[in-house]
N, C-alpha and C. Protein backbone atom coordinates (compact mmCIF):
# COMPACT_ATOMS: atom_id res chain seq x y z
N MET A 1 -2.87 22.65 30.94
CA MET A 1 -2.29 21.41 31.48
C MET A 1 -0.87 21.12 31.15
N GLY A 2 -0.04 20.72 32.24
CA GLY A 2 1.33 20.72 31.87
C GLY A 2 1.69 19.45 30.96
N GLU A 3 2.87 19.68 30.38
CA GLU A 3 3.58 18.82 29.39
C GLU A 3 3.68 17.45 30.17
N GLY A 4 4.06 17.51 31.46
CA GLY A 4 4.28 16.08 32.09
C GLY A 4 3.03 15.51 32.57
N LYS A 5 1.95 16.22 32.54
CA LYS A 5 0.72 15.58 32.84
C LYS A 5 0.31 14.78 31.63
N VAL A 6 0.40 15.31 30.61
CA VAL A 6 0.11 14.87 29.20
C VAL A 6 0.81 13.51 28.90
N LEU A 7 2.10 13.80 29.05
CA LEU A 7 2.97 12.46 28.90
C LEU A 7 2.46 11.34 29.92
N LEU A 8 2.32 11.72 31.09
CA LEU A 8 1.85 10.76 32.06
C LEU A 8 0.43 10.05 31.64
N GLY A 9 -0.46 10.82 31.10
CA GLY A 9 -1.71 10.52 30.50
C GLY A 9 -1.61 9.39 29.46
N ILE A 10 -0.53 9.77 28.55
CA ILE A 10 -0.41 8.91 27.27
C ILE A 10 0.26 7.65 27.77
N ALA A 11 1.04 7.52 28.62
CA ALA A 11 1.93 6.54 29.31
C ALA A 11 0.72 5.71 30.01
N ALA A 12 -0.03 6.11 30.69
CA ALA A 12 -1.07 5.26 31.50
C ALA A 12 -2.16 4.86 30.20
N GLY A 13 -2.45 5.58 29.33
CA GLY A 13 -3.40 4.89 28.41
C GLY A 13 -2.71 3.88 27.58
N LEU A 14 -1.29 4.10 27.18
CA LEU A 14 -0.70 2.99 26.57
C LEU A 14 -0.47 1.62 27.44
N LEU A 15 -0.02 1.85 28.45
CA LEU A 15 -0.03 0.78 29.32
C LEU A 15 -1.48 0.00 29.79
N THR A 16 -2.21 0.57 29.91
CA THR A 16 -3.70 0.34 30.05
C THR A 16 -4.23 -0.69 28.83
N GLY A 17 -4.08 0.07 27.58
CA GLY A 17 -4.42 -0.63 26.35
C GLY A 17 -3.46 -2.09 26.17
N VAL A 18 -2.22 -2.19 26.56
CA VAL A 18 -1.34 -3.21 26.46
C VAL A 18 -2.20 -4.41 27.19
N ALA A 19 -2.26 -3.82 28.58
CA ALA A 19 -2.70 -4.70 29.57
C ALA A 19 -4.05 -5.51 29.13
N LEU A 20 -4.86 -4.73 28.68
CA LEU A 20 -6.28 -5.25 28.43
C LEU A 20 -5.97 -6.04 27.00
N GLY A 21 -5.18 -5.74 26.20
CA GLY A 21 -4.87 -6.46 25.04
C GLY A 21 -4.29 -7.78 25.23
N VAL A 22 -3.33 -7.95 26.36
CA VAL A 22 -2.91 -9.19 26.66
C VAL A 22 -4.06 -9.99 27.60
N MET A 23 -4.89 -9.48 28.27
CA MET A 23 -5.92 -10.13 29.11
C MET A 23 -6.86 -10.68 28.22
N PHE A 24 -7.12 -9.92 27.17
CA PHE A 24 -8.33 -10.14 26.30
C PHE A 24 -7.95 -11.01 24.97
N ALA A 25 -6.70 -11.13 24.76
CA ALA A 25 -6.20 -11.78 23.46
C ALA A 25 -6.80 -13.12 23.24
N PRO A 26 -7.46 -13.32 22.15
CA PRO A 26 -7.96 -14.66 21.83
C PRO A 26 -7.11 -15.75 21.81
N ASP A 27 -5.92 -15.44 21.03
CA ASP A 27 -5.06 -16.70 20.87
C ASP A 27 -3.66 -16.40 21.79
N GLU A 28 -2.82 -17.35 21.70
CA GLU A 28 -1.26 -17.22 22.24
C GLU A 28 -0.70 -16.58 21.21
N GLY A 29 0.47 -15.85 21.63
CA GLY A 29 1.39 -15.06 21.01
C GLY A 29 1.82 -15.60 19.63
N GLY A 30 2.11 -16.88 19.59
CA GLY A 30 2.56 -17.59 18.45
C GLY A 30 1.40 -17.45 17.41
N LYS A 31 0.32 -17.95 17.70
CA LYS A 31 -0.83 -17.82 16.77
C LYS A 31 -1.00 -16.39 16.37
N THR A 32 -1.12 -15.68 17.11
CA THR A 32 -1.45 -14.31 16.63
C THR A 32 -0.37 -13.68 15.62
N ARG A 33 1.11 -14.12 16.09
CA ARG A 33 1.99 -13.64 15.01
C ARG A 33 1.79 -14.30 13.71
N LYS A 34 1.45 -15.68 13.68
CA LYS A 34 1.28 -16.33 12.41
C LYS A 34 -0.05 -15.58 11.78
N LYS A 35 -1.14 -15.27 12.52
CA LYS A 35 -2.18 -14.65 11.70
C LYS A 35 -1.82 -13.12 11.12
N PHE A 36 -0.83 -12.42 11.85
CA PHE A 36 -0.52 -11.21 11.47
C PHE A 36 0.34 -11.36 10.12
N GLN A 37 1.37 -12.30 10.18
CA GLN A 37 2.00 -12.85 9.11
C GLN A 37 1.28 -13.44 7.76
N LYS A 38 0.35 -14.05 8.04
CA LYS A 38 -0.60 -14.46 6.88
C LYS A 38 -1.38 -13.11 6.29
N GLN A 39 -1.81 -12.23 7.29
CA GLN A 39 -2.70 -11.30 6.83
C GLN A 39 -1.58 -10.23 5.96
N GLY A 40 -0.33 -10.17 6.29
CA GLY A 40 0.65 -9.09 5.80
C GLY A 40 1.03 -9.81 4.37
N GLU A 41 1.08 -11.07 4.36
CA GLU A 41 1.43 -11.99 3.09
C GLU A 41 0.24 -11.77 2.02
N ASP A 42 -1.14 -11.94 2.68
CA ASP A 42 -2.31 -11.78 1.69
C ASP A 42 -2.12 -10.06 1.25
N LEU A 43 -1.92 -9.27 2.04
CA LEU A 43 -2.00 -8.02 1.62
C LEU A 43 -0.94 -7.66 0.60
N ALA A 44 0.40 -8.08 0.76
CA ALA A 44 1.42 -8.06 -0.05
C ALA A 44 1.04 -8.55 -1.37
N HIS A 45 0.47 -9.76 -1.26
CA HIS A 45 0.07 -10.34 -2.64
C HIS A 45 -1.18 -9.53 -3.40
N SER A 46 -1.99 -9.06 -2.65
CA SER A 46 -3.03 -8.07 -3.29
C SER A 46 -2.46 -6.96 -4.02
N LEU A 47 -1.54 -6.36 -3.10
CA LEU A 47 -1.00 -5.12 -3.65
C LEU A 47 -0.21 -5.39 -4.86
N ASN A 48 0.74 -6.33 -4.68
CA ASN A 48 1.43 -6.84 -5.96
C ASN A 48 0.46 -7.11 -7.26
N GLY A 49 -0.58 -7.81 -7.03
CA GLY A 49 -1.57 -7.79 -8.25
C GLY A 49 -2.05 -6.62 -8.71
N LYS A 50 -2.41 -5.71 -7.82
CA LYS A 50 -2.94 -4.42 -8.50
C LYS A 50 -2.02 -3.68 -9.02
N MET A 51 -0.72 -3.69 -8.45
CA MET A 51 0.44 -2.88 -9.16
C MET A 51 0.83 -3.28 -10.49
N ASP A 52 0.80 -4.70 -10.76
CA ASP A 52 0.87 -5.37 -12.11
C ASP A 52 -0.14 -5.08 -12.92
N LYS A 53 -1.28 -4.85 -12.59
CA LYS A 53 -2.46 -4.54 -13.42
C LYS A 53 -2.27 -2.95 -13.86
N LYS A 54 -1.92 -2.02 -12.71
CA LYS A 54 -1.79 -0.69 -13.24
C LYS A 54 -0.52 -0.48 -13.87
N PHE A 55 0.48 -1.55 -13.77
CA PHE A 55 1.68 -1.46 -14.73
C PHE A 55 1.32 -1.62 -16.20
N ASP A 56 0.56 -2.65 -16.36
CA ASP A 56 0.16 -3.28 -17.62
C ASP A 56 -0.73 -2.19 -18.25
N GLU A 57 -1.70 -1.37 -17.64
CA GLU A 57 -2.32 -0.41 -18.10
C GLU A 57 -1.46 0.71 -18.52
N LEU A 58 -0.57 1.14 -17.72
CA LEU A 58 0.51 2.20 -18.20
C LEU A 58 1.30 1.83 -19.39
N LYS A 59 1.63 0.58 -19.51
CA LYS A 59 2.39 0.18 -20.55
C LYS A 59 1.63 0.37 -21.80
N GLY A 60 0.26 -0.05 -21.68
CA GLY A 60 -0.85 0.08 -22.83
C GLY A 60 -0.82 1.58 -23.38
N SER A 61 -1.06 2.27 -22.23
CA SER A 61 -1.09 3.58 -22.57
C SER A 61 0.05 4.17 -23.54
N ILE A 62 1.06 4.00 -22.97
CA ILE A 62 2.49 4.43 -23.36
C ILE A 62 2.52 3.89 -24.89
N ASN A 63 2.16 2.64 -25.11
CA ASN A 63 2.20 1.99 -26.38
C ASN A 63 1.33 2.74 -27.42
N GLU A 64 -0.16 3.33 -26.76
CA GLU A 64 -1.03 3.88 -27.57
C GLU A 64 -0.43 5.26 -27.90
N LEU A 65 0.15 6.00 -27.21
CA LEU A 65 0.84 7.29 -27.21
C LEU A 65 1.83 7.28 -28.44
N SER A 66 2.53 6.18 -27.99
CA SER A 66 3.66 6.07 -29.05
C SER A 66 3.26 5.79 -30.55
N GLN A 67 2.12 5.04 -30.63
CA GLN A 67 1.80 4.67 -32.01
C GLN A 67 1.04 6.12 -32.62
N LYS A 68 0.40 7.05 -31.78
CA LYS A 68 -0.13 8.03 -32.22
C LYS A 68 0.92 9.14 -32.69
N ILE A 69 1.98 9.04 -31.89
CA ILE A 69 3.09 10.09 -32.24
C ILE A 69 3.74 9.60 -33.60
N LYS A 70 4.08 8.26 -33.65
CA LYS A 70 4.59 7.69 -35.07
C LYS A 70 3.71 8.28 -36.28
N MET A 71 2.35 7.91 -36.02
CA MET A 71 1.23 8.46 -37.06
C MET A 71 1.32 9.86 -37.28
N LYS A 72 1.48 10.50 -36.43
CA LYS A 72 1.58 12.25 -36.57
C LYS A 72 2.79 12.63 -37.35
N LYS A 73 3.80 11.74 -36.92
CA LYS A 73 5.21 12.05 -37.55
C LYS A 73 5.15 11.63 -39.05
N GLU A 74 4.62 10.63 -39.35
CA GLU A 74 4.48 10.13 -40.85
C GLU A 74 3.63 11.22 -41.50
N THR A 75 2.45 11.58 -40.87
CA THR A 75 1.55 12.57 -41.51
C THR A 75 2.45 13.74 -41.94
N ILE A 76 3.15 14.35 -41.04
CA ILE A 76 3.82 15.50 -41.23
C ILE A 76 5.16 15.38 -42.22
N VAL A 77 5.77 14.36 -42.26
CA VAL A 77 6.84 13.85 -43.10
C VAL A 77 6.23 13.78 -44.54
N ASN A 78 4.98 13.04 -44.60
CA ASN A 78 4.42 13.10 -46.07
C ASN A 78 3.68 14.46 -46.50
N ASN A 79 3.18 15.32 -45.70
CA ASN A 79 2.95 16.47 -46.08
C ASN A 79 4.06 17.35 -46.55
N GLU A 80 5.04 17.08 -46.04
CA GLU A 80 6.31 18.21 -46.37
C GLU A 80 6.84 17.60 -47.67
N SER A 81 6.67 16.29 -48.00
CA SER A 81 7.31 15.75 -49.20
C SER A 81 6.68 16.45 -50.43
């Protein structure tokens, strides 16, 4: 199959999809954009919360590791004295 035919098929499929989307869209464009915006904001809020949780977990792990290192250091210093 030639490259031109592939590109023509892709373009035809894209145009058909857009036409069907416009014909069967449940809401007006403004309402649809508001829905997308709300969904985007909800997703951003959810991701932000998950990132905050993971960051707090990482801080806790770093603090634990830091305490373990300090204890090992004190043990080594006391054994050398």
